[in-house]
């Protein structure tokens, strides 16, 4: 069976996330056992605990955004909200997830990649809200000050997957490819403090 480049990238993403979840879970369990045994919660242990929680949240997020996804795989609201709440813990960006229904994992992947695009624009913090009517996503973001990267956002609307991006910006290259495969296009409205994306 031959795999497309996108499919191989998703398989690699799933494999990396799968292999990292186990050792991070083991560290979490070890910290819990230390606390149950009466060990003092020193600043060092608290720092390790916070770091492990953040890493676990990010891996869960990346597993959705960059891992394998098919139409017959679904994600429940509780799972999605749990991931976003964990990612937002201690972060500057907050998320409001509007959809109440279960979603195909492919739709979750599109939404999470879009969220990463918004996060990139909000280094000083902000609020991101996601709503869905039928198959149409509307994602809005508000911040006191947005990082201005007009070429990256213009690429989303043009659907050009050949744009040069840094590793931290790979979501801007992947999202238009997946939207094209789904037969959808992005429309955007940007100001100095607000972004509205529909697809």
N, C-alpha and C. Protein backbone atom coordinates (compact mmCIF):
# COMPACT_ATOMS: atom_id res chain seq x y z
N UNK A 1 0.83 -1.19 0.00
CA UNK A 1 0.00 0.00 0.00
C UNK A 1 0.87 1.24 0.00
N UNK A 2 0.65 2.14 -0.96
CA UNK A 2 1.42 3.37 -1.05
C UNK A 2 0.74 4.45 -0.20
N UNK A 3 1.57 5.26 0.44
CA UNK A 3 1.05 6.33 1.28
C UNK A 3 1.42 7.68 0.68
N UNK A 4 0.50 8.63 0.77
CA UNK A 4 0.82 9.99 0.35
C UNK A 4 1.74 10.62 1.38
N UNK A 5 2.38 11.73 0.99
CA UNK A 5 3.27 12.44 1.90
C UNK A 5 2.52 12.89 3.14
N UNK A 6 1.29 13.41 2.94
CA UNK A 6 0.48 13.86 4.07
C UNK A 6 0.16 12.71 5.01
N UNK A 7 -0.16 11.56 4.43
CA UNK A 7 -0.51 10.39 5.24
C UNK A 7 0.70 9.91 6.04
N UNK A 8 1.87 9.90 5.41
CA UNK A 8 3.08 9.49 6.12
C UNK A 8 3.41 10.46 7.25
N UNK A 9 3.25 11.76 6.99
CA UNK A 9 3.51 12.75 8.03
C UNK A 9 2.58 12.54 9.22
N UNK A 10 1.31 12.22 8.95
CA UNK A 10 0.35 11.98 10.02
C UNK A 10 0.71 10.71 10.80
N UNK A 11 1.15 9.67 10.09
CA UNK A 11 1.57 8.45 10.76
C UNK A 11 2.77 8.70 11.67
N UNK A 12 3.72 9.52 11.18
CA UNK A 12 4.89 9.86 11.98
C UNK A 12 4.47 10.64 13.22
N UNK A 13 3.57 11.62 13.02
CA UNK A 13 3.07 12.40 14.15
C UNK A 13 2.42 11.52 15.19
N UNK A 14 1.58 10.58 14.73
CA UNK A 14 0.90 9.67 15.67
C UNK A 14 1.91 8.81 16.42
N UNK A 15 2.92 8.33 15.71
CA UNK A 15 3.93 7.46 16.34
C UNK A 15 4.72 8.22 17.41
N UNK A 16 5.15 9.44 17.08
CA UNK A 16 5.91 10.23 18.04
C UNK A 16 5.08 10.50 19.29
N UNK A 17 3.84 10.94 19.09
CA UNK A 17 2.97 11.25 20.24
C UNK A 17 2.72 10.00 21.08
N UNK A 18 2.46 8.87 20.41
CA UNK A 18 2.20 7.62 21.12
C UNK A 18 3.40 7.21 21.97
N UNK A 19 4.60 7.34 21.41
CA UNK A 19 5.80 6.90 22.13
C UNK A 19 6.16 7.85 23.27
N UNK A 20 5.76 9.12 23.18
CA UNK A 20 6.08 10.07 24.24
C UNK A 20 5.08 10.03 25.39
N UNK A 21 3.84 9.64 25.09
CA UNK A 21 2.80 9.63 26.13
C UNK A 21 3.18 8.68 27.28
N UNK A 22 3.73 7.52 26.96
CA UNK A 22 4.03 6.51 27.99
C UNK A 22 5.06 7.00 29.01
N UNK A 23 6.24 7.50 28.59
CA UNK A 23 7.20 7.95 29.60
C UNK A 23 6.70 9.16 30.39
N UNK A 24 5.95 10.04 29.75
CA UNK A 24 5.41 11.20 30.48
C UNK A 24 4.38 10.72 31.51
N UNK A 25 3.57 9.73 31.14
CA UNK A 25 2.63 9.15 32.09
C UNK A 25 3.35 8.50 33.26
N UNK A 26 4.48 7.86 32.98
CA UNK A 26 5.25 7.22 34.05
C UNK A 26 5.80 8.27 35.02
N UNK A 27 6.25 9.40 34.51
CA UNK A 27 6.75 10.47 35.39
C UNK A 27 5.61 10.99 36.27
N UNK A 28 4.43 11.18 35.65
CA UNK A 28 3.25 11.63 36.40
C UNK A 28 2.92 10.67 37.53
N UNK A 29 2.92 9.37 37.21
CA UNK A 29 2.64 8.36 38.23
C UNK A 29 3.69 8.38 39.35
N UNK A 30 4.95 8.57 38.96
CA UNK A 30 6.01 8.64 39.97
C UNK A 30 5.84 9.82 40.91
N UNK A 31 5.45 10.97 40.36
CA UNK A 31 5.21 12.15 41.20
C UNK A 31 4.04 11.91 42.15
N UNK A 32 2.99 11.26 41.65
CA UNK A 32 1.84 10.97 42.50
C UNK A 32 2.22 10.03 43.65
N UNK A 33 3.04 9.03 43.34
CA UNK A 33 3.48 8.10 44.39
C UNK A 33 4.32 8.82 45.44
N UNK A 34 5.16 9.76 44.98
CA UNK A 34 5.97 10.53 45.93
C UNK A 34 5.08 11.32 46.88
N UNK A 35 4.03 11.94 46.33
CA UNK A 35 3.12 12.74 47.15
C UNK A 35 2.33 11.87 48.11
N UNK A 36 1.93 10.66 47.64
CA UNK A 36 1.17 9.74 48.49
C UNK A 36 2.02 9.21 49.65
N UNK A 37 3.34 9.16 49.41
CA UNK A 37 4.23 8.65 50.47
C UNK A 37 4.57 9.72 51.49
N UNK A 38 4.02 10.92 51.29
CA UNK A 38 4.24 11.99 52.27
C UNK A 38 5.42 12.87 51.95
N UNK A 39 6.01 12.72 50.76
CA UNK A 39 7.14 13.58 50.38
C UNK A 39 6.67 15.02 50.27
N UNK A 40 7.51 15.93 50.71
CA UNK A 40 7.16 17.35 50.68
C UNK A 40 7.07 17.84 49.24
N UNK A 41 6.09 18.72 48.98
CA UNK A 41 5.94 19.31 47.65
C UNK A 41 6.87 20.52 47.56
N UNK A 42 8.14 20.24 47.28
CA UNK A 42 9.13 21.30 47.19
C UNK A 42 8.93 22.08 45.90
N UNK A 43 9.51 23.28 45.80
CA UNK A 43 9.41 24.04 44.54
C UNK A 43 9.94 23.26 43.34
N UNK A 44 10.96 22.44 43.57
CA UNK A 44 11.53 21.67 42.47
C UNK A 44 10.53 20.62 41.96
N UNK A 45 9.88 19.93 42.91
CA UNK A 45 8.90 18.91 42.54
C UNK A 45 7.70 19.56 41.87
N UNK A 46 7.28 20.72 42.39
CA UNK A 46 6.15 21.44 41.79
C UNK A 46 6.47 21.85 40.36
N UNK A 47 7.72 22.28 40.12
CA UNK A 47 8.14 22.67 38.77
C UNK A 47 8.10 21.48 37.83
N UNK A 48 8.60 20.33 38.29
CA UNK A 48 8.56 19.11 37.47
C UNK A 48 7.12 18.73 37.16
N UNK A 49 6.26 18.78 38.17
CA UNK A 49 4.85 18.42 37.99
C UNK A 49 4.17 19.33 36.97
N UNK A 50 4.40 20.64 37.09
CA UNK A 50 3.80 21.58 36.13
C UNK A 50 4.31 21.32 34.72
N UNK A 51 5.60 21.06 34.59
CA UNK A 51 6.20 20.83 33.28
C UNK A 51 5.66 19.56 32.63
N UNK A 52 5.49 18.51 33.44
CA UNK A 52 4.95 17.26 32.92
C UNK A 52 3.50 17.44 32.46
N UNK A 53 2.70 18.17 33.25
CA UNK A 53 1.32 18.42 32.86
C UNK A 53 1.24 19.19 31.55
N UNK A 54 2.12 20.19 31.41
CA UNK A 54 2.14 20.98 30.18
C UNK A 54 2.55 20.13 28.98
N UNK A 55 3.57 19.29 29.17
CA UNK A 55 4.02 18.42 28.08
C UNK A 55 2.93 17.43 27.68
N UNK A 56 2.25 16.86 28.67
CA UNK A 56 1.17 15.91 28.39
C UNK A 56 0.04 16.58 27.61
N UNK A 57 -0.31 17.82 28.01
CA UNK A 57 -1.38 18.55 27.33
C UNK A 57 -0.99 18.84 25.88
N UNK A 58 0.26 19.26 25.67
CA UNK A 58 0.71 19.59 24.31
C UNK A 58 0.74 18.34 23.42
N UNK A 59 1.16 17.23 23.96
CA UNK A 59 1.21 15.99 23.16
C UNK A 59 -0.21 15.57 22.77
N UNK A 60 -1.15 15.69 23.69
CA UNK A 60 -2.55 15.36 23.37
C UNK A 60 -3.06 16.29 22.26
N UNK A 61 -2.69 17.56 22.34
CA UNK A 61 -3.08 18.53 21.32
C UNK A 61 -2.45 18.16 19.97
N UNK A 62 -1.14 17.89 19.98
CA UNK A 62 -0.43 17.56 18.73
C UNK A 62 -0.95 16.27 18.12
N UNK A 63 -1.37 15.34 18.97
CA UNK A 63 -1.89 14.06 18.46
C UNK A 63 -3.13 14.29 17.60
N UNK A 64 -3.96 15.27 18.01
CA UNK A 64 -5.15 15.61 17.22
C UNK A 64 -4.75 16.39 15.98
N UNK A 65 -3.88 17.39 16.15
CA UNK A 65 -3.54 18.29 15.04
C UNK A 65 -2.68 17.62 13.97
N UNK A 66 -1.76 16.73 14.37
CA UNK A 66 -0.79 16.19 13.42
C UNK A 66 -0.84 14.68 13.26
N UNK A 67 -1.69 14.02 14.03
CA UNK A 67 -1.77 12.56 13.94
C UNK A 67 -2.75 12.10 12.87
N UNK A 68 -2.89 10.79 12.76
CA UNK A 68 -3.82 10.21 11.80
C UNK A 68 -5.26 10.55 12.18
N UNK A 69 -6.06 10.82 11.16
CA UNK A 69 -7.48 11.14 11.40
C UNK A 69 -8.30 10.62 10.23
N UNK A 70 -9.39 9.94 10.54
CA UNK A 70 -10.30 9.47 9.51
C UNK A 70 -11.72 9.91 9.85
N UNK A 71 -12.58 9.91 8.85
CA UNK A 71 -13.96 10.35 9.03
C UNK A 71 -14.71 9.49 10.04
N UNK A 72 -14.36 8.19 10.12
CA UNK A 72 -15.12 7.31 11.02
C UNK A 72 -14.59 7.32 12.46
N UNK A 73 -13.54 8.11 12.73
CA UNK A 73 -13.08 8.33 14.10
C UNK A 73 -13.78 9.57 14.62
N UNK A 74 -14.29 9.53 15.82
CA UNK A 74 -14.99 10.70 16.36
C UNK A 74 -14.32 11.19 17.64
N UNK A 75 -14.59 12.45 17.95
CA UNK A 75 -14.10 13.07 19.17
C UNK A 75 -15.29 13.67 19.90
N UNK A 76 -15.39 13.42 21.19
CA UNK A 76 -16.46 13.99 21.98
C UNK A 76 -16.08 15.36 22.51
N UNK A 77 -17.10 16.15 22.84
CA UNK A 77 -16.86 17.49 23.38
C UNK A 77 -16.02 17.43 24.66
N UNK A 78 -16.31 16.46 25.53
CA UNK A 78 -15.58 16.38 26.80
C UNK A 78 -14.08 16.19 26.56
N UNK A 79 -13.72 15.33 25.60
CA UNK A 79 -12.31 15.09 25.30
C UNK A 79 -11.65 16.37 24.78
N UNK A 80 -12.33 17.05 23.86
CA UNK A 80 -11.76 18.27 23.26
C UNK A 80 -11.58 19.36 24.30
N UNK A 81 -12.63 19.58 25.10
CA UNK A 81 -12.56 20.63 26.12
C UNK A 81 -11.47 20.31 27.14
N UNK A 82 -11.31 19.04 27.48
CA UNK A 82 -10.26 18.63 28.41
C UNK A 82 -8.88 18.96 27.87
N UNK A 83 -8.66 18.69 26.59
CA UNK A 83 -7.36 19.00 25.98
C UNK A 83 -7.11 20.50 25.99
N UNK A 84 -8.10 21.28 25.56
CA UNK A 84 -7.92 22.73 25.48
C UNK A 84 -7.75 23.36 26.86
N UNK A 85 -8.47 22.84 27.85
CA UNK A 85 -8.33 23.37 29.21
C UNK A 85 -6.92 23.10 29.73
N UNK A 86 -6.40 21.91 29.44
CA UNK A 86 -5.04 21.57 29.90
C UNK A 86 -3.99 22.43 29.20
N UNK A 87 -4.17 22.66 27.89
CA UNK A 87 -3.21 23.49 27.15
C UNK A 87 -3.23 24.93 27.66
N UNK A 88 -4.42 25.42 28.01
CA UNK A 88 -4.56 26.81 28.46
C UNK A 88 -4.06 27.03 29.89
N UNK A 89 -3.86 25.93 30.63
CA UNK A 89 -3.43 26.05 32.02
C UNK A 89 -2.09 26.76 32.09
N UNK A 90 -2.05 27.90 32.69
CA UNK A 90 -0.80 28.65 32.82
C UNK A 90 -0.36 29.35 31.54
N UNK A 91 -1.16 29.26 30.47
CA UNK A 91 -0.81 29.91 29.22
C UNK A 91 -1.48 31.28 29.14
N UNK A 92 -1.12 32.03 28.13
CA UNK A 92 -1.68 33.37 27.96
C UNK A 92 -2.93 33.37 27.09
N UNK A 93 -3.15 32.28 26.38
CA UNK A 93 -4.30 32.21 25.46
C UNK A 93 -5.37 31.33 26.08
N UNK A 94 -6.63 31.77 26.00
CA UNK A 94 -7.75 30.98 26.49
C UNK A 94 -8.62 30.56 25.30
N UNK A 95 -9.33 29.44 25.48
CA UNK A 95 -10.14 28.88 24.40
C UNK A 95 -11.58 28.74 24.85
N UNK A 96 -12.50 29.03 23.94
CA UNK A 96 -13.91 28.73 24.18
C UNK A 96 -14.40 27.85 23.04
N UNK A 97 -14.73 26.59 23.37
CA UNK A 97 -15.16 25.60 22.36
C UNK A 97 -16.68 25.57 22.34
N UNK A 98 -17.28 26.01 21.25
CA UNK A 98 -18.72 26.11 21.16
C UNK A 98 -19.47 24.84 20.81
N UNK A 99 -18.98 24.02 19.84
CA UNK A 99 -19.76 22.85 19.41
C UNK A 99 -20.09 21.90 20.56
N UNK A 100 -21.33 21.46 20.60
CA UNK A 100 -21.77 20.54 21.65
C UNK A 100 -21.72 19.09 21.19
N UNK A 101 -21.77 18.88 19.87
CA UNK A 101 -21.88 17.53 19.34
C UNK A 101 -20.50 16.88 19.18
N UNK A 102 -20.51 15.54 19.06
CA UNK A 102 -19.30 14.82 18.68
C UNK A 102 -18.93 15.21 17.26
N UNK A 103 -17.63 15.16 16.96
CA UNK A 103 -17.14 15.55 15.64
C UNK A 103 -16.26 14.45 15.05
N UNK A 104 -16.24 14.33 13.72
CA UNK A 104 -15.23 13.46 13.11
C UNK A 104 -13.84 13.97 13.49
N UNK A 105 -12.92 13.07 13.69
CA UNK A 105 -11.55 13.48 14.08
C UNK A 105 -10.92 14.38 13.02
N UNK A 106 -11.31 14.20 11.76
CA UNK A 106 -10.78 15.06 10.69
C UNK A 106 -11.17 16.52 10.93
N UNK A 107 -12.38 16.75 11.44
CA UNK A 107 -12.81 18.11 11.74
C UNK A 107 -12.06 18.66 12.95
N UNK A 108 -11.82 17.81 13.94
CA UNK A 108 -11.04 18.23 15.10
C UNK A 108 -9.63 18.63 14.68
N UNK A 109 -9.05 17.88 13.75
CA UNK A 109 -7.70 18.21 13.27
C UNK A 109 -7.67 19.57 12.61
N UNK A 110 -8.65 19.87 11.74
CA UNK A 110 -8.71 21.18 11.09
C UNK A 110 -8.82 22.29 12.13
N UNK A 111 -9.70 22.09 13.10
CA UNK A 111 -9.91 23.12 14.13
C UNK A 111 -8.65 23.34 14.96
N UNK A 112 -7.96 22.25 15.34
CA UNK A 112 -6.76 22.39 16.17
C UNK A 112 -5.62 23.06 15.39
N UNK A 113 -5.50 22.76 14.10
CA UNK A 113 -4.48 23.44 13.30
C UNK A 113 -4.78 24.93 13.19
N UNK A 114 -6.07 25.27 13.01
CA UNK A 114 -6.46 26.67 12.98
C UNK A 114 -6.14 27.35 14.31
N UNK A 115 -6.41 26.65 15.42
CA UNK A 115 -6.09 27.20 16.74
C UNK A 115 -4.60 27.51 16.86
N UNK A 116 -3.76 26.65 16.30
CA UNK A 116 -2.33 26.91 16.36
C UNK A 116 -1.95 28.14 15.56
N UNK A 117 -2.63 28.35 14.43
CA UNK A 117 -2.39 29.57 13.66
C UNK A 117 -2.72 30.80 14.51
N UNK A 118 -3.85 30.74 15.20
CA UNK A 118 -4.25 31.86 16.06
C UNK A 118 -3.25 32.06 17.20
N UNK A 119 -2.83 30.96 17.82
CA UNK A 119 -1.86 31.07 18.92
C UNK A 119 -0.58 31.78 18.47
N UNK A 120 -0.14 31.47 17.25
CA UNK A 120 1.06 32.09 16.71
C UNK A 120 0.94 33.61 16.66
N UNK A 121 -0.29 34.07 16.43
CA UNK A 121 -0.53 35.51 16.32
C UNK A 121 -0.72 36.18 17.67
N UNK A 122 -0.71 35.40 18.77
CA UNK A 122 -1.03 35.95 20.09
C UNK A 122 0.07 35.69 21.11
N UNK A 123 1.28 36.15 20.85
CA UNK A 123 2.37 35.88 21.81
C UNK A 123 2.16 36.55 23.15
N UNK A 124 1.32 37.59 23.21
CA UNK A 124 1.07 38.30 24.46
C UNK A 124 -0.25 37.89 25.10
N UNK A 125 -0.90 36.88 24.53
CA UNK A 125 -2.16 36.40 25.08
C UNK A 125 -3.35 36.84 24.27
N UNK A 126 -4.49 36.19 24.52
CA UNK A 126 -5.71 36.51 23.81
C UNK A 126 -6.79 35.47 24.11
N UNK A 127 -7.90 35.61 23.43
CA UNK A 127 -9.03 34.69 23.60
C UNK A 127 -9.46 34.19 22.23
N UNK A 128 -9.66 32.88 22.11
CA UNK A 128 -10.07 32.26 20.84
C UNK A 128 -11.39 31.54 21.06
N UNK A 129 -12.34 31.79 20.17
CA UNK A 129 -13.67 31.19 20.26
C UNK A 129 -13.96 30.42 18.98
N UNK A 130 -14.45 29.20 19.12
CA UNK A 130 -14.78 28.36 17.98
C UNK A 130 -16.27 28.04 17.98
N UNK A 131 -16.92 28.25 16.85
CA UNK A 131 -18.32 27.86 16.68
C UNK A 131 -18.45 27.11 15.36
N UNK A 132 -19.56 26.37 15.23
CA UNK A 132 -19.75 25.55 14.04
C UNK A 132 -21.23 25.47 13.71
N UNK A 133 -21.55 25.75 12.44
CA UNK A 133 -22.91 25.59 11.94
C UNK A 133 -22.87 24.67 10.74
N UNK A 134 -23.46 23.48 10.90
CA UNK A 134 -23.33 22.50 9.83
C UNK A 134 -21.87 22.11 9.71
N UNK A 135 -21.32 22.25 8.51
CA UNK A 135 -19.90 21.95 8.30
C UNK A 135 -19.03 23.21 8.37
N UNK A 136 -19.63 24.37 8.57
CA UNK A 136 -18.90 25.63 8.53
C UNK A 136 -18.34 26.01 9.90
N UNK A 137 -17.03 26.16 9.96
CA UNK A 137 -16.36 26.64 11.17
C UNK A 137 -16.25 28.15 11.12
N UNK A 138 -16.45 28.79 12.26
CA UNK A 138 -16.15 30.21 12.43
C UNK A 138 -15.28 30.32 13.68
N UNK A 139 -14.06 30.79 13.50
CA UNK A 139 -13.10 30.88 14.60
C UNK A 139 -12.68 32.33 14.72
N UNK A 140 -12.85 32.88 15.90
CA UNK A 140 -12.51 34.28 16.12
C UNK A 140 -11.49 34.40 17.24
N UNK A 141 -10.62 35.37 17.11
CA UNK A 141 -9.61 35.62 18.12
C UNK A 141 -9.48 37.09 18.40
N UNK A 142 -9.29 37.41 19.67
CA UNK A 142 -9.14 38.80 20.08
C UNK A 142 -7.94 38.92 21.00
N UNK A 143 -7.13 39.94 20.76
CA UNK A 143 -5.96 40.19 21.61
C UNK A 143 -5.70 41.69 21.64
N UNK A 144 -5.04 42.14 22.70
CA UNK A 144 -4.68 43.55 22.75
C UNK A 144 -3.73 43.91 21.61
N UNK A 145 -2.85 42.95 21.28
CA UNK A 145 -1.90 43.18 20.21
C UNK A 145 -1.60 41.87 19.51
N UNK A 146 -1.78 41.84 18.20
CA UNK A 146 -1.51 40.64 17.41
C UNK A 146 -0.14 40.75 16.74
N UNK A 147 0.54 39.62 16.66
CA UNK A 147 1.77 39.55 15.88
C UNK A 147 1.39 39.60 14.41
N UNK A 148 1.98 40.51 13.67
CA UNK A 148 1.60 40.72 12.28
C UNK A 148 2.46 39.86 11.35
N UNK A 149 1.83 38.87 10.75
CA UNK A 149 2.50 38.00 9.76
C UNK A 149 1.58 37.88 8.55
N UNK A 150 1.39 38.97 7.78
CA UNK A 150 0.38 38.97 6.71
C UNK A 150 0.61 37.90 5.64
N UNK A 151 1.87 37.56 5.35
CA UNK A 151 2.14 36.55 4.32
C UNK A 151 1.59 35.18 4.71
N UNK A 152 1.73 34.83 6.00
CA UNK A 152 1.24 33.53 6.46
C UNK A 152 -0.28 33.46 6.34
N UNK A 153 -0.96 34.52 6.74
CA UNK A 153 -2.42 34.53 6.67
C UNK A 153 -2.91 34.57 5.23
N UNK A 154 -2.22 35.34 4.38
CA UNK A 154 -2.60 35.39 2.97
C UNK A 154 -2.45 34.02 2.32
N UNK A 155 -1.44 33.25 2.78
CA UNK A 155 -1.24 31.90 2.27
C UNK A 155 -2.42 30.99 2.57
N UNK A 156 -3.03 31.17 3.75
CA UNK A 156 -4.20 30.36 4.09
C UNK A 156 -5.34 30.60 3.12
N UNK A 157 -5.54 31.86 2.74
CA UNK A 157 -6.62 32.18 1.81
C UNK A 157 -6.31 31.72 0.40
N UNK A 158 -5.04 31.82 0.00
CA UNK A 158 -4.68 31.43 -1.37
C UNK A 158 -4.59 29.92 -1.52
N UNK A 159 -4.35 29.23 -0.39
CA UNK A 159 -4.23 27.78 -0.44
C UNK A 159 -2.89 27.31 -0.96
N UNK A 160 -1.89 28.17 -0.97
CA UNK A 160 -0.56 27.82 -1.48
C UNK A 160 0.20 27.02 -0.43
N UNK A 161 0.47 25.76 -0.72
CA UNK A 161 1.18 24.90 0.24
C UNK A 161 2.70 24.98 0.08
N UNK A 162 3.18 25.80 -0.86
CA UNK A 162 4.61 25.86 -1.13
C UNK A 162 5.31 26.98 -0.36
N UNK A 163 4.58 27.69 0.49
CA UNK A 163 5.16 28.81 1.23
C UNK A 163 6.27 28.32 2.16
N UNK A 164 7.30 29.14 2.31
CA UNK A 164 8.38 28.82 3.23
C UNK A 164 7.94 29.15 4.65
N UNK A 165 8.02 28.17 5.54
CA UNK A 165 7.64 28.39 6.93
C UNK A 165 8.72 27.83 7.85
N UNK A 166 8.77 28.36 9.06
CA UNK A 166 9.65 27.81 10.09
C UNK A 166 8.94 26.64 10.76
N UNK A 167 9.66 25.82 11.54
CA UNK A 167 8.98 24.72 12.25
C UNK A 167 7.82 25.21 13.12
N UNK A 168 7.95 26.40 13.71
CA UNK A 168 6.89 26.93 14.57
C UNK A 168 5.68 27.39 13.78
N UNK A 169 5.81 27.45 12.44
CA UNK A 169 4.72 27.93 11.58
C UNK A 169 4.18 26.86 10.65
N UNK A 170 4.54 25.60 10.88
CA UNK A 170 4.18 24.53 9.96
C UNK A 170 2.67 24.40 9.79
N UNK A 171 1.89 24.79 10.81
CA UNK A 171 0.44 24.72 10.71
C UNK A 171 -0.11 25.57 9.56
N UNK A 172 0.59 26.65 9.23
CA UNK A 172 0.15 27.51 8.13
C UNK A 172 0.35 26.84 6.77
N UNK A 173 1.25 25.87 6.69
CA UNK A 173 1.45 25.12 5.45
C UNK A 173 0.55 23.89 5.37
N UNK A 174 0.30 23.25 6.52
CA UNK A 174 -0.49 22.02 6.52
C UNK A 174 -1.99 22.27 6.40
N UNK A 175 -2.49 23.29 7.09
CA UNK A 175 -3.94 23.54 7.09
C UNK A 175 -4.51 23.73 5.69
N UNK A 176 -3.90 24.56 4.80
CA UNK A 176 -4.48 24.69 3.46
C UNK A 176 -4.47 23.40 2.65
N UNK A 177 -3.48 22.54 2.89
CA UNK A 177 -3.43 21.25 2.18
C UNK A 177 -4.62 20.39 2.58
N UNK A 178 -4.88 20.30 3.87
CA UNK A 178 -5.99 19.48 4.37
C UNK A 178 -7.34 20.07 3.97
N UNK A 179 -7.44 21.40 3.96
CA UNK A 179 -8.69 22.03 3.54
C UNK A 179 -8.95 21.78 2.06
N UNK A 180 -7.90 21.82 1.26
CA UNK A 180 -8.07 21.53 -0.18
C UNK A 180 -8.53 20.10 -0.39
N UNK A 181 -7.96 19.17 0.38
CA UNK A 181 -8.38 17.77 0.28
C UNK A 181 -9.84 17.62 0.66
N UNK A 182 -10.32 18.47 1.59
CA UNK A 182 -11.71 18.42 2.02
C UNK A 182 -12.63 19.26 1.13
N UNK A 183 -12.06 19.91 0.11
CA UNK A 183 -12.86 20.73 -0.81
C UNK A 183 -13.35 22.02 -0.18
N UNK A 184 -12.54 22.59 0.72
CA UNK A 184 -12.95 23.81 1.40
C UNK A 184 -11.88 24.89 1.29
N UNK A 185 -12.31 26.13 1.45
CA UNK A 185 -11.39 27.28 1.38
C UNK A 185 -11.57 28.14 2.62
N UNK A 186 -10.54 28.89 2.93
CA UNK A 186 -10.55 29.79 4.08
C UNK A 186 -10.95 31.19 3.65
N UNK A 187 -11.78 31.84 4.46
CA UNK A 187 -11.99 33.28 4.32
C UNK A 187 -11.56 33.93 5.62
N UNK A 188 -10.94 35.09 5.51
CA UNK A 188 -10.34 35.74 6.67
C UNK A 188 -10.71 37.22 6.75
N UNK A 189 -10.78 37.69 7.97
CA UNK A 189 -10.85 39.13 8.22
C UNK A 189 -9.90 39.42 9.37
N UNK A 190 -8.94 40.30 9.12
CA UNK A 190 -7.93 40.61 10.13
C UNK A 190 -7.89 42.11 10.40
N UNK A 191 -7.74 42.45 11.67
CA UNK A 191 -7.47 43.83 12.08
C UNK A 191 -6.25 43.79 12.99
N UNK A 192 -5.92 44.90 13.63
CA UNK A 192 -4.76 44.92 14.51
C UNK A 192 -4.99 44.11 15.78
N UNK A 193 -6.26 43.87 16.12
CA UNK A 193 -6.53 43.16 17.39
C UNK A 193 -7.50 41.98 17.24
N UNK A 194 -8.02 41.75 16.03
CA UNK A 194 -9.03 40.69 15.85
C UNK A 194 -8.74 39.88 14.59
N UNK A 195 -9.08 38.59 14.67
CA UNK A 195 -9.02 37.69 13.51
C UNK A 195 -10.32 36.92 13.46
N UNK A 196 -10.90 36.81 12.27
CA UNK A 196 -12.05 35.95 12.05
C UNK A 196 -11.74 35.04 10.88
N UNK A 197 -11.79 33.74 11.11
CA UNK A 197 -11.53 32.75 10.07
C UNK A 197 -12.76 31.88 9.89
N UNK A 198 -13.13 31.66 8.63
CA UNK A 198 -14.20 30.72 8.32
C UNK A 198 -13.71 29.72 7.28
N UNK A 199 -14.15 28.48 7.42
CA UNK A 199 -13.88 27.48 6.39
C UNK A 199 -14.88 26.34 6.48
